[in-house]
Amino acid sequence: MALSATLRHPLTAQLGRFAIAGLVTLVLGAVVVLLLSGPAGLAIQLAIPLSYPVIAVVHFSLQRRFVFAGDGTYALGGGAQLRRYLLVAVVGHYGCVAGGTAFLDHVAGLGDQVAYLVMVCTMPIVMFVVMRLRVFH
């Protein structure tokens, strides 16, 4: 398949939008945390959890309206998507990163920081698949 055809493929386009949404929420999260911990004067340990609701709302909205929008019809309503999203984002993502880091550190002997980096680099792929198949379908 030619490169231009690959780039026009719906899945490739969706992956590109997923990457853009991830970059937007990464930058937004960093800005909110730095504003709260800088000019607002909060401790960064407090700024991080306070930024999560803002980041989650923006990320969910981008996933629903930009990444997985398609023809605008979903098998699940917005409320059901939100519940699944929160479950996947909070429990699934955090649990997988924390558990995977511990597993790779202990079993593979990678060291905790390397194991963490492996997990945070792998999780976007896992999250894309889960959101595409179980949340925004």
Protein backbone atom coordinates (compact mmCIF):
# COMPACT_ATOMS: atom_id res chain seq x y z
CA MET A 1 0.00 0.00 0.00
CA ALA A 2 1.36 3.43 -0.93
CA LEU A 3 2.23 5.87 1.82
CA SER A 4 -0.52 8.31 0.79
CA ALA A 5 -3.12 5.54 0.92
CA THR A 6 -1.86 4.45 4.34
CA LEU A 7 -2.10 8.01 5.66
CA ARG A 8 -5.68 8.27 4.40
CA HIS A 9 -6.75 5.00 6.00
CA PRO A 10 -9.41 5.65 8.70
CA LEU A 11 -7.43 3.83 11.41
CA THR A 12 -4.25 5.79 10.61
CA ALA A 13 -6.20 9.04 10.70
CA GLN A 14 -7.73 8.03 14.03
CA LEU A 15 -4.29 7.22 15.46
CA GLY A 16 -3.06 10.62 14.31
CA ARG A 17 -5.97 12.35 16.02
CA PHE A 18 -5.31 10.26 19.15
CA ALA A 19 -1.69 11.48 19.16
CA ILE A 20 -2.80 15.10 18.73
CA ALA A 21 -5.32 14.78 21.58
CA GLY A 22 -2.61 13.24 23.77
CA LEU A 23 -0.21 16.07 22.98
CA VAL A 24 -2.88 18.69 23.72
CA THR A 25 -3.69 17.15 27.10
CA LEU A 26 0.01 16.71 27.91
CA VAL A 27 0.69 20.40 27.27
CA LEU A 28 -2.50 21.49 29.05
CA GLY A 29 -1.67 19.33 32.07
CA ALA A 30 1.86 20.70 32.29
CA VAL A 31 0.63 24.29 32.00
CA VAL A 32 -2.08 23.85 34.66
CA VAL A 33 0.32 22.12 37.08
CA LEU A 34 3.00 24.76 36.54
CA LEU A 35 0.52 27.63 36.96
CA LEU A 36 -0.88 26.13 40.14
CA SER A 37 2.56 25.36 41.56
CA GLY A 38 4.13 28.62 40.35
CA PRO A 39 2.02 31.78 40.32
CA ALA A 40 -0.78 30.26 42.44
CA GLY A 41 1.79 29.16 45.03
CA LEU A 42 0.51 25.62 45.66
CA ALA A 43 2.85 22.74 46.40
CA ILE A 44 3.36 20.66 43.26
CA GLN A 45 2.14 17.57 45.14
CA LEU A 46 -1.21 19.37 45.50
CA ALA A 47 -1.16 20.95 42.03
CA ILE A 48 -0.88 17.56 40.29
CA PRO A 49 -4.11 16.00 41.63
CA LEU A 50 -5.96 19.33 41.35
CA SER A 51 -5.09 19.46 37.64
CA TYR A 52 -6.50 15.99 36.92
CA PRO A 53 -10.20 16.95 36.66
CA VAL A 54 -9.40 19.64 34.07
CA ILE A 55 -7.19 17.28 32.11
CA ALA A 56 -9.76 14.46 32.27
CA VAL A 57 -12.61 16.66 31.02
CA VAL A 58 -10.55 17.94 28.10
CA HIS A 59 -9.17 14.49 27.28
CA PHE A 60 -12.61 12.84 27.37
CA SER A 61 -14.08 15.60 25.21
CA LEU A 62 -11.29 15.30 22.65
CA GLN A 63 -11.67 11.52 22.50
CA ARG A 64 -15.43 11.72 22.05
CA ARG A 65 -15.66 14.66 19.66
CA PHE A 66 -12.35 14.54 17.76
CA VAL A 67 -10.61 11.17 17.90
CA PHE A 68 -13.46 8.66 17.76
CA ALA A 69 -16.25 10.88 16.38
CA GLY A 70 -16.63 9.12 13.03
CA ASP A 71 -20.20 9.50 11.82
CA GLY A 72 -21.36 10.78 15.21
CA THR A 73 -23.22 7.64 16.24
CA TYR A 74 -22.10 5.49 19.11
CA ALA A 75 -23.30 2.20 20.54
CA LEU A 76 -23.15 3.81 24.00
CA GLY A 77 -24.58 7.12 25.19
CA GLY A 78 -22.40 9.87 26.62
CA GLY A 79 -23.03 8.86 30.25
CA ALA A 80 -22.07 5.25 29.64
CA GLN A 81 -18.98 6.37 27.74
CA LEU A 82 -18.00 8.67 30.58
CA ARG A 83 -18.35 5.89 33.16
CA ARG A 84 -16.27 3.51 31.05
CA TYR A 85 -13.74 6.23 30.30
CA LEU A 86 -13.26 7.01 33.98
CA LEU A 87 -12.90 3.34 34.81
CA VAL A 88 -10.34 2.82 32.03
CA ALA A 89 -8.47 6.07 32.67
CA VAL A 90 -8.28 5.90 36.45
CA VAL A 91 -8.27 2.22 37.33
CA GLY A 92 -6.97 0.71 34.12
CA HIS A 93 -4.29 3.21 33.22
CA TYR A 94 -3.01 3.79 36.74
CA GLY A 95 -3.26 0.10 37.63
CA CYS A 96 -1.45 -1.00 34.49
CA VAL A 97 1.33 1.55 34.87
CA ALA A 98 1.84 0.83 38.57
CA GLY A 99 1.44 -2.94 38.27
CA GLY A 100 3.45 -3.20 35.06
CA THR A 101 6.26 -1.13 36.52
CA ALA A 102 6.46 -3.37 39.59
CA PHE A 103 6.25 -6.52 37.43
CA LEU A 104 8.95 -5.42 34.97
CA ASP A 105 11.19 -4.23 37.77
CA HIS A 106 10.85 -7.47 39.74
CA VAL A 107 10.60 -10.10 36.98
CA ALA A 108 12.74 -8.57 34.23
CA GLY A 109 15.08 -6.73 36.57
CA LEU A 110 14.88 -3.54 34.52
CA GLY A 111 15.01 -1.19 37.49
CA ASP A 112 12.02 0.83 38.54
CA GLN A 113 12.69 3.90 36.40
CA VAL A 114 13.32 1.96 33.19
CA ALA A 115 10.29 -0.23 33.89
CA TYR A 116 8.19 2.90 34.41
CA LEU A 117 9.37 4.38 31.11
CA VAL A 118 8.53 1.14 29.29
CA MET A 119 5.03 1.24 30.75
CA VAL A 120 4.31 4.90 29.99
CA CYS A 121 5.53 4.40 26.42
CA THR A 122 3.39 1.27 26.00
CA MET A 123 0.19 2.49 27.64
CA PRO A 124 -0.93 4.92 24.90
CA ILE A 125 -1.19 1.98 22.50
CA VAL A 126 -3.15 -0.05 25.04
CA MET A 127 -5.39 2.92 25.84
CA PHE A 128 -6.10 3.57 22.14
CA VAL A 129 -7.21 -0.02 21.61
CA VAL A 130 -9.34 -0.13 24.76
CA MET A 131 -10.98 3.22 24.08
CA ARG A 132 -11.63 2.32 20.45
CA LEU A 133 -13.11 -1.09 21.21
CA ARG A 134 -14.77 -0.65 24.63
CA VAL A 135 -15.49 3.03 25.28
CA PHE A 136 -16.07 5.04 22.08
CA HIS A 137 -17.53 2.43 19.76
